């Protein structure tokens, strides 16, 4: 699955399978609208009617490098475009290059249509800041346990707790670092949510 121009035409196409059992999503960038199809369902969103776009970093268990572009319109469902595609029970394939090219061209066409679109990046603020506070509390709690273990001479226990702390900071810290809420211009996609910055 990849972004391409079918039959040598001018309409970029991106295909991805967001779930193992569901049908793949086909997304075409037509001259005046984003067209989508999955199974027997299909629709189109004129670029001028795109109300909001959100780019975020969304790792999952079997794919820690995964990006998502969400598109809201004045009418119709919210579209979720992922940078990975399910291949089997144990594999999600990264499609960074194809996804990045498609998303950048989508932004270019929305801007060219003169839409009054809001471009958000990261997680919604109402989820991000409480989540960050919880992470900070967990880190402090682990640090206190490590100090207590060292003071009591339980060096092995301190090492185990330190390992859990390092894993927590590495995984959760990356998520929060890339998903800080903000706004961006369609001509300057945020690096934290751009598949090109994942390598």
Protein backbone atom coordinates (compact mmCIF):
# COMPACT_ATOMS: atom_id res chain seq x y z
CA UNK A 1 0.00 0.00 0.00
CA UNK A 2 1.42 3.36 -0.92
CA UNK A 3 0.68 6.78 -2.32
CA UNK A 4 0.80 6.84 -6.09
CA UNK A 5 -0.73 8.41 -9.17
CA UNK A 6 -2.95 5.74 -10.71
CA UNK A 7 -2.71 5.15 -14.47
CA UNK A 8 -0.15 7.93 -14.76
CA UNK A 9 -2.82 10.51 -13.84
CA UNK A 10 -2.60 13.59 -11.68
CA UNK A 11 -4.56 12.42 -8.63
CA UNK A 12 -2.39 11.12 -5.77
CA UNK A 13 -3.70 7.98 -4.10
CA UNK A 14 -2.95 6.65 -0.62
CA UNK A 15 -4.08 3.22 0.59
CA UNK A 16 -3.83 1.88 4.11
CA UNK A 17 -5.53 -0.75 6.24
CA UNK A 18 -6.22 0.69 9.71
CA UNK A 19 -7.46 -2.61 11.20
CA UNK A 20 -6.69 -6.25 10.61
CA UNK A 21 -10.25 -7.35 9.82
CA UNK A 22 -11.59 -4.20 8.16
CA UNK A 23 -11.42 -3.17 4.53
CA UNK A 24 -8.54 -0.97 3.34
CA UNK A 25 -9.10 2.75 2.91
CA UNK A 26 -8.43 4.36 -0.47
CA UNK A 27 -7.96 8.12 -0.46
CA UNK A 28 -7.69 10.16 -3.66
CA UNK A 29 -6.67 13.80 -3.91
CA UNK A 30 -8.93 15.02 -6.71
CA UNK A 31 -8.59 18.54 -8.15
CA UNK A 32 -11.28 19.96 -5.84
CA UNK A 33 -11.84 17.37 -3.13
CA UNK A 34 -10.51 14.53 -1.03
CA UNK A 35 -12.34 11.37 -2.05
CA UNK A 36 -12.38 8.25 0.12
CA UNK A 37 -13.63 4.70 -0.18
CA UNK A 38 -13.64 1.71 2.14
CA UNK A 39 -15.61 -1.39 1.27
CA UNK A 40 -19.03 -0.30 0.04
CA UNK A 41 -18.78 3.13 1.65
CA UNK A 42 -17.42 6.21 -0.06
CA UNK A 43 -17.57 9.97 0.08
CA UNK A 44 -15.85 13.20 -0.84
CA UNK A 45 -14.77 16.29 1.09
CA UNK A 46 -14.23 19.49 -0.92
CA UNK A 47 -11.00 21.12 0.21
CA UNK A 48 -12.82 24.40 0.81
CA UNK A 49 -15.07 22.64 3.34
CA UNK A 50 -12.35 21.10 5.47
CA UNK A 51 -12.96 22.53 8.93
CA UNK A 52 -10.05 21.12 10.90
CA UNK A 53 -6.95 18.96 10.50
CA UNK A 54 -5.00 17.40 13.35
CA UNK A 55 -1.58 15.75 13.04
CA UNK A 56 -0.36 13.56 15.88
CA UNK A 57 2.08 10.85 16.87
CA UNK A 58 0.17 7.66 17.76
CA UNK A 59 2.41 4.67 18.55
CA UNK A 60 0.81 1.27 19.06
CA UNK A 61 2.12 -1.98 20.51
CA UNK A 62 3.38 -3.47 17.26
CA UNK A 63 4.36 -0.19 15.59
CA UNK A 64 6.11 2.39 17.75
CA UNK A 65 6.58 4.78 14.79
CA UNK A 66 3.05 5.68 13.72
CA UNK A 67 1.54 9.01 12.71
CA UNK A 68 -2.10 9.96 12.16
CA UNK A 69 -3.77 12.78 10.24
CA UNK A 70 -7.40 13.46 11.17
CA UNK A 71 -9.64 15.47 8.87
CA UNK A 72 -12.95 17.05 9.88
CA UNK A 73 -15.34 18.61 7.38
CA UNK A 74 -18.52 20.67 7.60
CA UNK A 75 -20.48 17.51 6.80
CA UNK A 76 -19.51 13.88 6.79
CA UNK A 77 -17.45 11.61 9.03
CA UNK A 78 -14.06 12.34 10.54
CA UNK A 79 -11.34 10.73 8.45
CA UNK A 80 -8.34 9.17 10.16
CA UNK A 81 -5.30 8.56 7.94
CA UNK A 82 -2.52 6.46 9.48
CA UNK A 83 1.08 6.08 8.40
CA UNK A 84 0.94 2.31 8.97
CA UNK A 85 -1.06 -0.51 7.42
CA UNK A 86 -1.94 -3.93 8.82
CA UNK A 87 -0.32 -6.82 6.97
CA UNK A 88 -0.90 -9.78 9.29
CA UNK A 89 -1.78 -10.72 12.87
CA UNK A 90 1.69 -9.65 14.03
CA UNK A 91 2.75 -7.01 11.52
CA UNK A 92 1.94 -3.40 10.78
CA UNK A 93 3.93 -1.97 7.89
CA UNK A 94 5.27 1.58 8.10
CA UNK A 95 4.45 3.73 5.07
CA UNK A 96 6.28 6.86 6.14
CA UNK A 97 7.33 8.11 2.73
CA UNK A 98 3.97 7.57 1.03
CA UNK A 99 2.01 8.91 4.00
CA UNK A 100 4.20 12.00 4.30
CA UNK A 101 3.93 12.84 0.60
CA UNK A 102 0.14 12.42 0.66
CA UNK A 103 -0.37 14.51 3.79
CA UNK A 104 1.85 17.33 2.54
CA UNK A 105 -0.02 17.46 -0.77
CA UNK A 106 -3.35 17.41 1.07
CA UNK A 107 -2.26 20.46 3.07
CA UNK A 108 -1.13 22.23 -0.08
CA UNK A 109 -4.52 21.72 -1.73
CA UNK A 110 -6.50 22.78 1.34
CA UNK A 111 -4.46 25.99 1.53
CA UNK A 112 -4.89 26.63 -2.20
CA UNK A 113 -8.68 26.28 -1.83
CA UNK A 114 -8.73 29.21 0.60
CA UNK A 115 -10.45 27.20 3.33
CA UNK A 116 -10.71 28.66 6.83
CA UNK A 117 -9.23 25.49 8.26
CA UNK A 118 -7.81 25.13 11.77
CA UNK A 119 -4.55 23.14 11.78
CA UNK A 120 -3.86 21.47 15.14
CA UNK A 121 -0.97 19.25 16.14
CA UNK A 122 -0.47 16.86 19.01
CA UNK A 123 -3.05 15.65 21.51
CA UNK A 124 -6.06 17.71 22.62
CA UNK A 125 -5.04 19.95 25.50
CA UNK A 126 -7.72 18.50 27.80
CA UNK A 127 -6.07 15.09 27.47
CA UNK A 128 -2.43 16.13 27.15
CA UNK A 129 -1.88 18.21 30.28
CA UNK A 130 -3.63 15.86 32.77
CA UNK A 131 -1.74 12.96 31.17
CA UNK A 132 1.56 14.80 31.55
CA UNK A 133 0.76 15.50 35.20
CA UNK A 134 0.10 11.80 35.80
CA UNK A 135 3.42 10.91 34.12
CA UNK A 136 5.27 13.41 36.33
CA UNK A 137 3.65 11.92 39.45
CA UNK A 138 4.64 8.39 38.36
CA UNK A 139 8.23 9.48 37.75
CA UNK A 140 8.43 11.14 41.18
CA UNK A 141 6.94 8.02 42.78
CA UNK A 142 9.53 5.77 41.12
CA UNK A 143 12.33 8.13 42.16
CA UNK A 144 11.19 8.02 45.79
CA UNK A 145 11.12 4.20 45.70
CA UNK A 146 14.65 4.13 44.27
CA UNK A 147 15.95 6.40 47.06
CA UNK A 148 14.25 4.27 49.71
CA UNK A 149 15.70 1.08 48.23
CA UNK A 150 19.20 2.56 48.15
CA UNK A 151 18.93 3.78 51.74
CA UNK A 152 17.94 0.30 52.89
CA UNK A 153 20.75 -1.37 50.92
CA UNK A 154 18.41 -3.07 48.43
CA UNK A 155 20.56 -2.30 45.45
CA UNK A 156 19.04 -5.02 43.27
CA UNK A 157 15.55 -3.67 43.91
CA UNK A 158 16.74 -0.14 43.15
CA UNK A 159 18.17 -1.35 39.85
CA UNK A 160 14.89 -3.05 38.89
CA UNK A 161 12.86 0.04 39.75
CA UNK A 162 15.38 2.17 37.85
CA UNK A 163 14.86 -0.02 34.79
CA UNK A 164 11.10 0.45 34.97
CA UNK A 165 11.59 4.19 35.39
CA UNK A 166 13.88 4.40 32.35
CA UNK A 167 11.38 2.44 30.24
CA UNK A 168 8.51 4.65 31.39
CA UNK A 169 10.40 7.86 30.64
CA UNK A 170 11.57 6.59 27.24
CA UNK A 171 8.15 5.45 25.99
CA UNK A 172 5.86 8.01 27.61
CA UNK A 173 8.37 10.85 27.30
CA UNK A 174 8.62 10.38 23.54
CA UNK A 175 4.83 10.38 23.24
CA UNK A 176 4.40 13.60 25.21
CA UNK A 177 7.36 15.29 23.52
CA UNK A 178 5.89 14.68 20.04
CA UNK A 179 2.28 15.38 21.00
CA UNK A 180 2.48 18.80 22.66
CA UNK A 181 -0.72 20.67 21.66
CA UNK A 182 -0.31 23.51 19.22
CA UNK A 183 -1.20 25.13 15.92
CA UNK A 184 0.75 25.15 12.67
CA UNK A 185 0.64 26.55 9.15
CA UNK A 186 -0.23 24.24 6.24
CA UNK A 187 3.05 25.27 4.61
CA UNK A 188 5.08 24.25 7.68
CA UNK A 189 4.04 20.90 9.11
CA UNK A 190 5.21 20.30 12.70
CA UNK A 191 8.37 18.19 12.80
CA UNK A 192 7.19 16.22 15.83
CA UNK A 193 4.22 14.89 13.85
CA UNK A 194 5.96 14.55 10.48
CA UNK A 195 6.92 11.02 9.41
CA UNK A 196 10.20 12.36 8.00
CA UNK A 197 11.37 13.18 11.53
CA UNK A 198 10.88 9.64 12.79
CA UNK A 199 14.12 8.24 11.38
